[in-house]
């Protein structure tokens, strides 16, 4: 599955660890902020796929939408969206989640095969969240925050910037993620191939899209046994 690629770009949440009940656990870890947590998620959905060119313009738009939904001041909104909210998520990950058992071995096998690796997440603090679920520092070539680039998935620019930073042509990149509408669409818009990982959130499969749809264990086996 990976022999025709020079780089593999992994989504984080839902792909490299089982994120079952993550939204609920985030709320339970900070129940007094339930309305802020929901507003933050709704604001992200509203900005999905829009290219704001850089992180500052994205943050301005994100805070403005969060303020519209909550009625909070921009100062309070900014602190929740980019300080307190991420800290709450990080705490939840440390307490409740571990990376998939075979994920570190997959990164190691790709490294041995000379295939570059990257992780992309819409959220920030990617390195800290990777370490929170048990990955060692430096496990892959590139950690990339789409919000830090100013464009959430499926905007193609973050994917293309990863390919450029790795020195790999887009058509030689494979994107591995759990969501066809964000990871898959971002890959297609970037000229990359896509493999969809089935999770508990996978309700329907768009077979017309033409990409493989498999469980993580089968993907890992294809890498480790290849």
Protein backbone atom coordinates (compact mmCIF):
# COMPACT_ATOMS: atom_id res chain seq x y z
CA UNK A 1 0.00 0.00 0.00
CA UNK A 2 2.87 2.39 0.70
CA UNK A 3 5.44 1.22 -1.82
CA UNK A 4 4.49 3.89 -4.39
CA UNK A 5 4.84 6.81 -1.98
CA UNK A 6 7.69 8.91 -0.64
CA UNK A 7 5.72 10.40 2.28
CA UNK A 8 2.77 9.48 4.49
CA UNK A 9 0.76 12.26 6.15
CA UNK A 10 -1.30 11.11 9.13
CA UNK A 11 -4.32 12.78 10.67
CA UNK A 12 -4.10 12.74 14.48
CA UNK A 13 -7.45 12.53 16.30
CA UNK A 14 -9.24 9.29 15.47
CA UNK A 15 -6.41 7.99 13.31
CA UNK A 16 -3.39 7.61 15.58
CA UNK A 17 -5.46 6.95 18.70
CA UNK A 18 -9.03 5.79 19.39
CA UNK A 19 -10.82 9.00 20.29
CA UNK A 20 -14.01 7.34 21.46
CA UNK A 21 -16.03 9.66 23.79
CA UNK A 22 -13.46 12.44 23.50
CA UNK A 23 -16.05 15.28 23.31
CA UNK A 24 -17.86 13.90 26.37
CA UNK A 25 -14.65 13.56 28.36
CA UNK A 26 -13.64 17.12 27.43
CA UNK A 27 -16.96 18.36 28.85
CA UNK A 28 -16.73 16.21 31.97
CA UNK A 29 -13.22 17.51 32.64
CA UNK A 30 -14.53 21.08 32.64
CA UNK A 31 -18.33 20.91 33.04
CA UNK A 32 -18.82 24.59 33.86
CA UNK A 33 -17.49 25.42 30.39
CA UNK A 34 -19.88 23.18 28.44
CA UNK A 35 -21.31 26.08 26.42
CA UNK A 36 -17.84 27.40 25.56
CA UNK A 37 -16.76 23.92 24.47
CA UNK A 38 -19.77 23.59 22.17
CA UNK A 39 -19.30 27.10 20.78
CA UNK A 40 -15.64 26.38 20.05
CA UNK A 41 -16.58 23.27 18.05
CA UNK A 42 -19.34 25.12 16.20
CA UNK A 43 -16.96 27.97 15.33
CA UNK A 44 -14.49 25.48 13.86
CA UNK A 45 -17.22 23.93 11.72
CA UNK A 46 -18.13 27.38 10.40
CA UNK A 47 -14.50 28.09 9.40
CA UNK A 48 -13.77 24.62 8.00
CA UNK A 49 -11.91 24.72 4.69
CA UNK A 50 -11.56 28.51 4.51
CA UNK A 51 -8.06 29.79 3.77
CA UNK A 52 -7.25 32.79 5.99
CA UNK A 53 -3.65 32.89 4.70
CA UNK A 54 -1.99 32.97 8.13
CA UNK A 55 -2.60 32.18 11.79
CA UNK A 56 -3.38 35.75 12.84
CA UNK A 57 -6.21 36.17 10.35
CA UNK A 58 -7.55 32.75 11.30
CA UNK A 59 -7.47 33.60 15.00
CA UNK A 60 -9.27 36.89 14.39
CA UNK A 61 -12.04 35.12 12.47
CA UNK A 62 -12.22 32.28 15.00
CA UNK A 63 -12.51 34.64 17.97
CA UNK A 64 -15.10 36.77 16.17
CA UNK A 65 -17.28 33.72 15.48
CA UNK A 66 -16.83 32.44 19.04
CA UNK A 67 -17.86 35.86 20.40
CA UNK A 68 -20.92 35.86 18.15
CA UNK A 69 -21.97 32.48 19.51
CA UNK A 70 -21.27 33.20 23.17
CA UNK A 71 -21.54 36.94 23.65
CA UNK A 72 -18.19 36.93 25.44
CA UNK A 73 -15.55 39.63 25.04
CA UNK A 74 -12.74 39.06 22.57
CA UNK A 75 -10.20 38.85 25.41
CA UNK A 76 -12.09 36.07 27.20
CA UNK A 77 -12.80 34.32 23.91
CA UNK A 78 -9.16 34.36 22.84
CA UNK A 79 -8.02 32.95 26.19
CA UNK A 80 -10.52 30.11 26.01
CA UNK A 81 -9.93 29.24 22.36
CA UNK A 82 -6.13 29.30 22.44
CA UNK A 83 -5.12 28.77 26.08
CA UNK A 84 -7.70 27.27 28.44
CA UNK A 85 -9.56 25.14 25.91
CA UNK A 86 -6.41 23.49 24.52
CA UNK A 87 -5.12 22.95 28.09
CA UNK A 88 -8.36 21.16 28.94
CA UNK A 89 -8.03 18.91 25.89
CA UNK A 90 -4.41 18.14 26.70
CA UNK A 91 -5.35 17.18 30.25
CA UNK A 92 -8.08 14.85 28.94
CA UNK A 93 -5.68 13.17 26.53
CA UNK A 94 -3.10 12.56 29.26
CA UNK A 95 -5.69 11.05 31.59
CA UNK A 96 -7.69 8.94 29.18
CA UNK A 97 -6.01 8.10 25.87
CA UNK A 98 -3.08 6.17 24.45
CA UNK A 99 -1.83 5.93 20.90
CA UNK A 100 -2.72 2.82 18.94
CA UNK A 101 -0.43 -0.03 20.01
CA UNK A 102 1.14 -0.46 16.58
CA UNK A 103 1.37 3.24 15.67
CA UNK A 104 4.96 3.82 16.91
CA UNK A 105 6.09 0.70 15.05
CA UNK A 106 4.42 1.98 11.88
CA UNK A 107 6.37 5.25 12.09
CA UNK A 108 9.58 3.30 12.70
CA UNK A 109 8.97 0.97 9.74
CA UNK A 110 8.29 3.91 7.44
CA UNK A 111 11.50 5.56 8.60
CA UNK A 112 13.46 2.38 7.91
CA UNK A 113 11.92 2.21 4.45
CA UNK A 114 13.05 5.77 3.71
CA UNK A 115 9.49 7.10 3.63
CA UNK A 116 9.01 10.51 5.25
CA UNK A 117 6.18 11.05 7.72
CA UNK A 118 4.09 13.95 8.98
CA UNK A 119 1.12 14.49 11.27
CA UNK A 120 -1.51 17.12 10.52
CA UNK A 121 -4.20 18.29 12.95
CA UNK A 122 -6.69 21.13 12.77
CA UNK A 123 -5.85 21.92 16.40
CA UNK A 124 -2.67 23.42 17.80
CA UNK A 125 -0.17 21.98 20.31
CA UNK A 126 0.38 18.96 18.07
CA UNK A 127 3.68 17.92 19.67
CA UNK A 128 2.25 18.18 23.18
CA UNK A 129 -0.84 16.17 22.22
CA UNK A 130 1.27 13.53 20.51
CA UNK A 131 3.35 13.13 23.66
CA UNK A 132 0.20 13.12 25.81
CA UNK A 133 -1.00 9.90 24.14
CA UNK A 134 2.39 8.23 24.36
CA UNK A 135 4.38 9.10 21.24
CA UNK A 136 8.04 9.89 21.75
CA UNK A 137 9.39 13.26 20.67
CA UNK A 138 10.75 13.28 17.15
CA UNK A 139 8.86 10.20 16.02
CA UNK A 140 8.10 11.73 12.62
CA UNK A 141 9.60 14.29 10.25
CA UNK A 142 6.91 16.99 10.49
CA UNK A 143 4.18 18.00 12.95
CA UNK A 144 1.73 20.45 11.42
CA UNK A 145 -1.16 22.47 12.85
CA UNK A 146 -3.68 23.54 10.23
CA UNK A 147 -4.95 26.33 12.50
CA UNK A 148 -1.35 27.48 12.86
CA UNK A 149 -1.20 27.77 9.07
CA UNK A 150 -4.44 29.72 9.01
CA UNK A 151 -6.57 27.17 7.15
CA UNK A 152 -8.51 24.22 8.54
CA UNK A 153 -9.00 21.02 6.55
CA UNK A 154 -10.03 20.36 3.81
CA UNK A 155 -8.21 23.46 2.55
CA UNK A 156 -5.40 22.09 0.35
CA UNK A 157 -2.71 24.61 1.34
CA UNK A 158 -1.68 22.91 4.63
CA UNK A 159 -1.27 19.59 2.80
CA UNK A 160 0.78 21.22 0.05
CA UNK A 161 2.95 23.05 2.60
CA UNK A 162 3.70 19.73 4.31
CA UNK A 163 4.70 18.15 0.99
CA UNK A 164 6.92 21.12 0.20
CA UNK A 165 8.57 21.05 3.63
CA UNK A 166 9.29 17.33 3.20
CA UNK A 167 10.67 17.86 -0.30
CA UNK A 168 8.11 15.47 -1.80
CA UNK A 169 5.79 15.99 -4.77
CA UNK A 170 2.08 15.91 -3.80
CA UNK A 171 1.33 12.92 -6.02
CA UNK A 172 3.94 10.96 -4.06
CA UNK A 173 2.16 11.62 -0.74
CA UNK A 174 -0.38 9.35 0.94
CA UNK A 175 -2.83 10.87 3.44
CA UNK A 176 -4.14 8.54 6.16
CA UNK A 177 -7.14 9.84 8.09
CA UNK A 178 -10.52 8.92 9.51
CA UNK A 179 -12.69 11.55 7.79
CA UNK A 180 -13.38 11.60 4.07
CA UNK A 181 -14.90 15.11 4.20
CA UNK A 182 -11.78 16.71 5.69
CA UNK A 183 -8.74 14.43 5.38
CA UNK A 184 -9.91 12.82 2.15
CA UNK A 185 -11.14 16.00 0.49
CA UNK A 186 -7.96 17.83 1.51
CA UNK A 187 -5.89 15.05 -0.03
CA UNK A 188 -7.84 15.07 -3.28
CA UNK A 189 -7.67 18.85 -3.61
CA UNK A 190 -3.91 18.58 -3.12
CA UNK A 191 -3.36 15.86 -5.70
CA UNK A 192 -2.58 13.27 -3.01
CA UNK A 193 -3.92 9.75 -2.45
CA UNK A 194 -6.05 8.91 0.57
CA UNK A 195 -6.68 5.93 2.85
CA UNK A 196 -9.65 6.19 5.20
CA UNK A 197 -9.41 4.59 8.65
CA UNK A 198 -12.71 3.25 9.96
CA UNK A 199 -13.65 4.40 13.48
CA UNK A 200 -16.79 4.35 15.62
CA UNK A 201 -17.73 7.64 13.91
CA UNK A 202 -17.75 6.11 10.43
CA UNK A 203 -21.46 5.91 9.64
CA UNK A 204 -21.36 5.67 5.85
CA UNK A 205 -18.65 5.03 3.27
CA UNK A 206 -18.47 6.86 -0.05
CA UNK A 207 -17.25 4.03 -2.24
CA UNK A 208 -17.60 6.25 -5.31
CA UNK A 209 -14.69 8.33 -4.00
CA UNK A 210 -12.40 5.44 -4.93
CA UNK A 211 -10.11 5.36 -1.91
CA UNK A 212 -9.40 2.36 0.36
CA UNK A 213 -11.48 2.19 3.56
CA UNK A 214 -9.96 -0.06 6.23
CA UNK A 215 -9.50 -0.45 9.97
CA UNK A 216 -6.25 0.74 11.54
CA UNK A 217 -5.00 -2.79 12.27
CA UNK A 218 -5.21 -3.73 8.60
CA UNK A 219 -3.35 -0.59 7.57
CA UNK A 220 -0.67 -1.22 10.20
CA UNK A 221 -0.29 -4.84 9.07
CA UNK A 222 0.15 -3.73 5.45
CA UNK A 223 3.03 -1.48 6.55
CA UNK A 224 4.68 -3.77 9.08
CA UNK A 225 4.46 -6.88 6.91
CA UNK A 226 5.44 -5.09 3.71
